[in-house]
Amino acid sequence: MNTILIDCDGVILDWEDGFHTYMQSLGYFKNNITGFLESQYDLDYSVIRTHIRKFNQSNCIEDLPTIDNSTYYMQELKKQNYKFVCITSLSLNKSIQKRRLKNLEKLLGKDFFEDVIFLDTYQPKDNVLKNYANTGYWWIEDNITNAIVGKSLGLQSILFRNNAEGLASVSTWKELYWKIIEHE
């Protein structure tokens, strides 16, 4: 099982920090509450969703930094013949997709991924994950719902920087790396 299906935002790239910087540029500031973005900004869910979509379609998406040495550990796994398929709910807009690819290529090099599958913002990953059902591939995700779907489809789901009963979880890329290596 040398294929790793992987989410992008919140697993490879630090989308949330980029979003907070974007919101500050609009005059919004986080409160001290953790959790869902609407709670962090004291904004209605629909208002936050609008800002998320606008952020995803902005030039900011081209320059997101990595999370927790993600690219280092991904390159180490690649050296050990792991293949990566990125599944990202960013946008169906081709110019936005090119920005994401430019960001990933800058960090990981050209042709790092076997495939990058783009879904629209907020689009569930169920239908894409069904294509990999019962393969036993790794599925690395920070969204609990998507991780549960992957597990139910016979993938080896690992929840990144999140916890949920019945799911394997890790807090760092180093921990994730060793979980995968020691499993093989």
Foldseek 3Di string as FASTA:
>chain_A
DQEEEEEPDPQFFPVVVLLQVVVVVVVFHFDPDDDDPCNRRVHDPVVVLVSLLVSLVDLSLLATHTPFCNLVLLVVSVVVVHAYEYEYQRAPDPVSVVSNQNNCCVRNNPPRHPYYHYHHHPDACLVVLLVCAQVQHEYEEQDPVNQVSNVVRNYQGEHECDDDPPHHYDDHSVVVSCVVVVVD
